[in-house]
Amino acid sequence: MTSIDLSDFVILVKNQFSEEIRDDINEQTDFKALKEWSSLQTIIVVNEIHKHYNVILNSDDFSAAQNLGQLYEIVESRHI
């Protein structure tokens, strides 16, 4: 099992947002509180995570994660 690098994961998610807010995003960021967060943004992030890590997230995963670090832990635990 290959480990996912936290900084690469954060960069992957950051790149799904506009350049104006990317610098403010890190592993402690409550991504659901970002002004750009929406149901469409959720789909985009889910798609990118699936494409890069072959992990499918569901709404319970997003509810359980309070920040990107916790979302990373969920993805890491399912990554093969």
N, C-alpha and C. Protein backbone atom coordinates (compact mmCIF):
# COMPACT_ATOMS: atom_id res chain seq x y z
N MET A 1 0.84 -1.18 0.00
CA MET A 1 0.00 0.00 0.00
C MET A 1 0.89 1.24 0.00
N THR A 2 0.67 2.12 -0.96
CA THR A 2 1.43 3.35 -1.08
C THR A 2 0.75 4.45 -0.29
N SER A 3 1.54 5.17 0.45
CA SER A 3 1.02 6.27 1.26
C SER A 3 0.78 7.50 0.39
N ILE A 4 -0.24 8.27 0.75
CA ILE A 4 -0.53 9.52 0.08
C ILE A 4 0.18 10.63 0.85
N ASP A 5 0.86 11.50 0.15
CA ASP A 5 1.54 12.62 0.77
C ASP A 5 0.52 13.71 1.11
N LEU A 6 0.51 14.15 2.37
CA LEU A 6 -0.46 15.16 2.81
C LEU A 6 -0.34 16.44 2.00
N SER A 7 0.87 16.91 1.77
CA SER A 7 1.02 18.17 1.03
C SER A 7 0.52 18.04 -0.41
N ASP A 8 0.73 16.88 -1.05
CA ASP A 8 0.20 16.66 -2.39
C ASP A 8 -1.32 16.65 -2.38
N PHE A 9 -1.90 16.04 -1.35
CA PHE A 9 -3.36 16.00 -1.22
C PHE A 9 -3.92 17.41 -1.08
N VAL A 10 -3.31 18.21 -0.21
CA VAL A 10 -3.77 19.59 0.00
C VAL A 10 -3.66 20.39 -1.30
N ILE A 11 -2.57 20.23 -2.02
CA ILE A 11 -2.40 20.93 -3.29
C ILE A 11 -3.47 20.50 -4.29
N LEU A 12 -3.76 19.22 -4.34
CA LEU A 12 -4.81 18.72 -5.24
C LEU A 12 -6.14 19.41 -4.94
N VAL A 13 -6.50 19.48 -3.68
CA VAL A 13 -7.76 20.11 -3.30
C VAL A 13 -7.70 21.62 -3.54
N LYS A 14 -6.61 22.26 -3.16
CA LYS A 14 -6.45 23.70 -3.35
C LYS A 14 -6.65 24.09 -4.81
N ASN A 15 -6.14 23.28 -5.71
CA ASN A 15 -6.22 23.60 -7.13
C ASN A 15 -7.63 23.54 -7.69
N GLN A 16 -8.58 23.09 -6.89
CA GLN A 16 -9.97 23.04 -7.34
C GLN A 16 -10.70 24.34 -6.99
N PHE A 17 -10.00 25.27 -6.37
CA PHE A 17 -10.58 26.55 -5.97
C PHE A 17 -9.91 27.68 -6.74
N SER A 18 -10.51 28.84 -6.69
CA SER A 18 -9.96 30.00 -7.39
C SER A 18 -8.62 30.41 -6.77
N GLU A 19 -7.81 31.05 -7.57
CA GLU A 19 -6.48 31.47 -7.11
C GLU A 19 -6.57 32.43 -5.93
N GLU A 20 -7.64 33.20 -5.82
CA GLU A 20 -7.78 34.18 -4.76
C GLU A 20 -7.77 33.56 -3.37
N ILE A 21 -8.26 32.34 -3.25
CA ILE A 21 -8.34 31.75 -1.91
C ILE A 21 -7.36 30.60 -1.69
N ARG A 22 -6.64 30.19 -2.71
CA ARG A 22 -5.74 29.04 -2.58
C ARG A 22 -4.70 29.20 -1.47
N ASP A 23 -4.15 30.40 -1.33
CA ASP A 23 -3.11 30.62 -0.32
C ASP A 23 -3.63 30.44 1.10
N ASP A 24 -4.94 30.55 1.27
CA ASP A 24 -5.54 30.44 2.59
C ASP A 24 -5.91 29.00 2.95
N ILE A 25 -5.70 28.07 2.04
CA ILE A 25 -6.10 26.68 2.25
C ILE A 25 -4.92 25.84 2.69
N ASN A 26 -5.09 25.12 3.80
CA ASN A 26 -4.08 24.18 4.30
C ASN A 26 -4.79 23.02 4.98
N GLU A 27 -4.04 22.13 5.61
CA GLU A 27 -4.67 20.93 6.21
C GLU A 27 -5.61 21.26 7.35
N GLN A 28 -5.50 22.44 7.95
CA GLN A 28 -6.39 22.84 9.04
C GLN A 28 -7.65 23.55 8.55
N THR A 29 -7.75 23.80 7.26
CA THR A 29 -8.87 24.55 6.70
C THR A 29 -10.16 23.78 6.79
N ASP A 30 -11.19 24.44 7.32
CA ASP A 30 -12.54 23.89 7.29
C ASP A 30 -13.08 24.19 5.89
N PHE A 31 -12.88 23.26 5.00
CA PHE A 31 -13.20 23.48 3.58
C PHE A 31 -14.67 23.79 3.37
N LYS A 32 -15.55 23.28 4.25
CA LYS A 32 -16.98 23.53 4.10
C LYS A 32 -17.34 24.98 4.43
N ALA A 33 -16.44 25.68 5.09
CA ALA A 33 -16.68 27.09 5.44
C ALA A 33 -16.16 28.05 4.37
N LEU A 34 -15.46 27.52 3.38
CA LEU A 34 -14.96 28.37 2.30
C LEU A 34 -16.13 28.93 1.50
N LYS A 35 -16.02 30.20 1.11
CA LYS A 35 -17.15 30.82 0.41
C LYS A 35 -17.43 30.16 -0.94
N GLU A 36 -16.44 29.51 -1.53
CA GLU A 36 -16.65 28.83 -2.81
C GLU A 36 -17.21 27.41 -2.66
N TRP A 37 -17.32 26.92 -1.42
CA TRP A 37 -17.78 25.55 -1.23
C TRP A 37 -19.25 25.45 -1.60
N SER A 38 -19.60 24.47 -2.39
CA SER A 38 -20.98 24.24 -2.83
C SER A 38 -21.13 22.77 -3.19
N SER A 39 -22.32 22.39 -3.56
CA SER A 39 -22.53 21.00 -3.97
C SER A 39 -21.72 20.69 -5.24
N LEU A 40 -21.62 21.66 -6.13
CA LEU A 40 -20.80 21.46 -7.33
C LEU A 40 -19.33 21.31 -6.96
N GLN A 41 -18.85 22.11 -6.02
CA GLN A 41 -17.46 22.02 -5.58
C GLN A 41 -17.20 20.65 -4.95
N THR A 42 -18.17 20.13 -4.24
CA THR A 42 -18.04 18.80 -3.64
C THR A 42 -17.83 17.75 -4.74
N ILE A 43 -18.62 17.84 -5.77
CA ILE A 43 -18.51 16.88 -6.89
C ILE A 43 -17.14 16.99 -7.55
N ILE A 44 -16.67 18.21 -7.73
CA ILE A 44 -15.35 18.42 -8.35
C ILE A 44 -14.25 17.79 -7.50
N VAL A 45 -14.30 18.02 -6.19
CA VAL A 45 -13.28 17.47 -5.29
C VAL A 45 -13.37 15.95 -5.26
N VAL A 46 -14.57 15.41 -5.16
CA VAL A 46 -14.75 13.96 -5.16
C VAL A 46 -14.17 13.36 -6.44
N ASN A 47 -14.44 13.98 -7.57
CA ASN A 47 -13.94 13.49 -8.85
C ASN A 47 -12.41 13.50 -8.90
N GLU A 48 -11.80 14.59 -8.45
CA GLU A 48 -10.34 14.69 -8.47
C GLU A 48 -9.69 13.66 -7.53
N ILE A 49 -10.28 13.47 -6.37
CA ILE A 49 -9.76 12.47 -5.43
C ILE A 49 -9.88 11.08 -6.03
N HIS A 50 -11.00 10.81 -6.66
CA HIS A 50 -11.18 9.50 -7.28
C HIS A 50 -10.18 9.30 -8.41
N LYS A 51 -9.99 10.33 -9.23
CA LYS A 51 -9.08 10.25 -10.36
C LYS A 51 -7.62 10.03 -9.91
N HIS A 52 -7.21 10.72 -8.87
CA HIS A 52 -5.81 10.65 -8.43
C HIS A 52 -5.52 9.51 -7.45
N TYR A 53 -6.49 9.16 -6.62
CA TYR A 53 -6.22 8.18 -5.56
C TYR A 53 -7.11 6.94 -5.62
N ASN A 54 -8.04 6.90 -6.60
CA ASN A 54 -8.94 5.77 -6.75
C ASN A 54 -9.75 5.50 -5.48
N VAL A 55 -10.17 6.59 -4.84
CA VAL A 55 -10.99 6.52 -3.63
C VAL A 55 -12.27 7.30 -3.90
N ILE A 56 -13.41 6.69 -3.60
CA ILE A 56 -14.69 7.36 -3.77
C ILE A 56 -15.20 7.79 -2.40
N LEU A 57 -15.47 9.08 -2.29
CA LEU A 57 -15.99 9.63 -1.04
C LEU A 57 -17.49 9.80 -1.15
N ASN A 58 -18.17 9.76 -0.01
CA ASN A 58 -19.61 9.99 0.01
C ASN A 58 -19.93 11.14 0.97
N SER A 59 -21.19 11.47 1.08
CA SER A 59 -21.59 12.62 1.91
C SER A 59 -21.24 12.41 3.38
N ASP A 60 -21.28 11.17 3.86
CA ASP A 60 -20.91 10.90 5.25
C ASP A 60 -19.44 11.23 5.50
N ASP A 61 -18.60 10.99 4.51
CA ASP A 61 -17.18 11.32 4.65
C ASP A 61 -16.98 12.81 4.82
N PHE A 62 -17.70 13.60 4.04
CA PHE A 62 -17.58 15.05 4.14
C PHE A 62 -18.18 15.56 5.45
N SER A 63 -19.22 14.91 5.92
CA SER A 63 -19.80 15.30 7.21
C SER A 63 -18.85 14.98 8.36
N ALA A 64 -18.14 13.89 8.26
CA ALA A 64 -17.23 13.46 9.32
C ALA A 64 -15.96 14.31 9.39
N ALA A 65 -15.54 14.86 8.27
CA ALA A 65 -14.28 15.62 8.22
C ALA A 65 -14.54 17.08 8.57
N GLN A 66 -13.81 17.56 9.57
CA GLN A 66 -13.92 18.96 9.98
C GLN A 66 -12.95 19.86 9.22
N ASN A 67 -11.92 19.25 8.62
CA ASN A 67 -10.92 20.03 7.89
C ASN A 67 -10.26 19.13 6.84
N LEU A 68 -9.37 19.70 6.06
CA LEU A 68 -8.72 18.92 5.00
C LEU A 68 -7.85 17.80 5.56
N GLY A 69 -7.24 18.02 6.71
CA GLY A 69 -6.43 16.98 7.32
C GLY A 69 -7.25 15.74 7.64
N GLN A 70 -8.45 15.94 8.14
CA GLN A 70 -9.32 14.81 8.45
C GLN A 70 -9.84 14.15 7.17
N LEU A 71 -10.11 14.95 6.15
CA LEU A 71 -10.53 14.37 4.87
C LEU A 71 -9.38 13.55 4.29
N TYR A 72 -8.16 14.06 4.41
CA TYR A 72 -6.97 13.32 3.98
C TYR A 72 -6.90 11.97 4.70
N GLU A 73 -7.14 11.95 6.00
CA GLU A 73 -7.07 10.69 6.76
C GLU A 73 -8.09 9.68 6.25
N ILE A 74 -9.27 10.15 5.88
CA ILE A 74 -10.29 9.25 5.33
C ILE A 74 -9.81 8.68 4.00
N VAL A 75 -9.29 9.54 3.14
CA VAL A 75 -8.79 9.08 1.83
C VAL A 75 -7.62 8.13 2.02
N GLU A 76 -6.69 8.49 2.88
CA GLU A 76 -5.51 7.65 3.15
C GLU A 76 -5.92 6.27 3.65
N SER A 77 -6.94 6.20 4.49
CA SER A 77 -7.36 4.91 5.05
C SER A 77 -7.99 3.98 4.00
N ARG A 78 -8.45 4.54 2.89
CA ARG A 78 -9.09 3.74 1.84
C ARG A 78 -8.21 3.54 0.61
N HIS A 79 -7.09 4.24 0.59
CA HIS A 79 -6.20 4.17 -0.57
C HIS A 79 -5.46 2.83 -0.58
N ILE A 80 -5.43 2.20 -1.76
CA ILE A 80 -4.76 0.91 -1.90
C ILE A 80 -3.42 1.10 -2.56
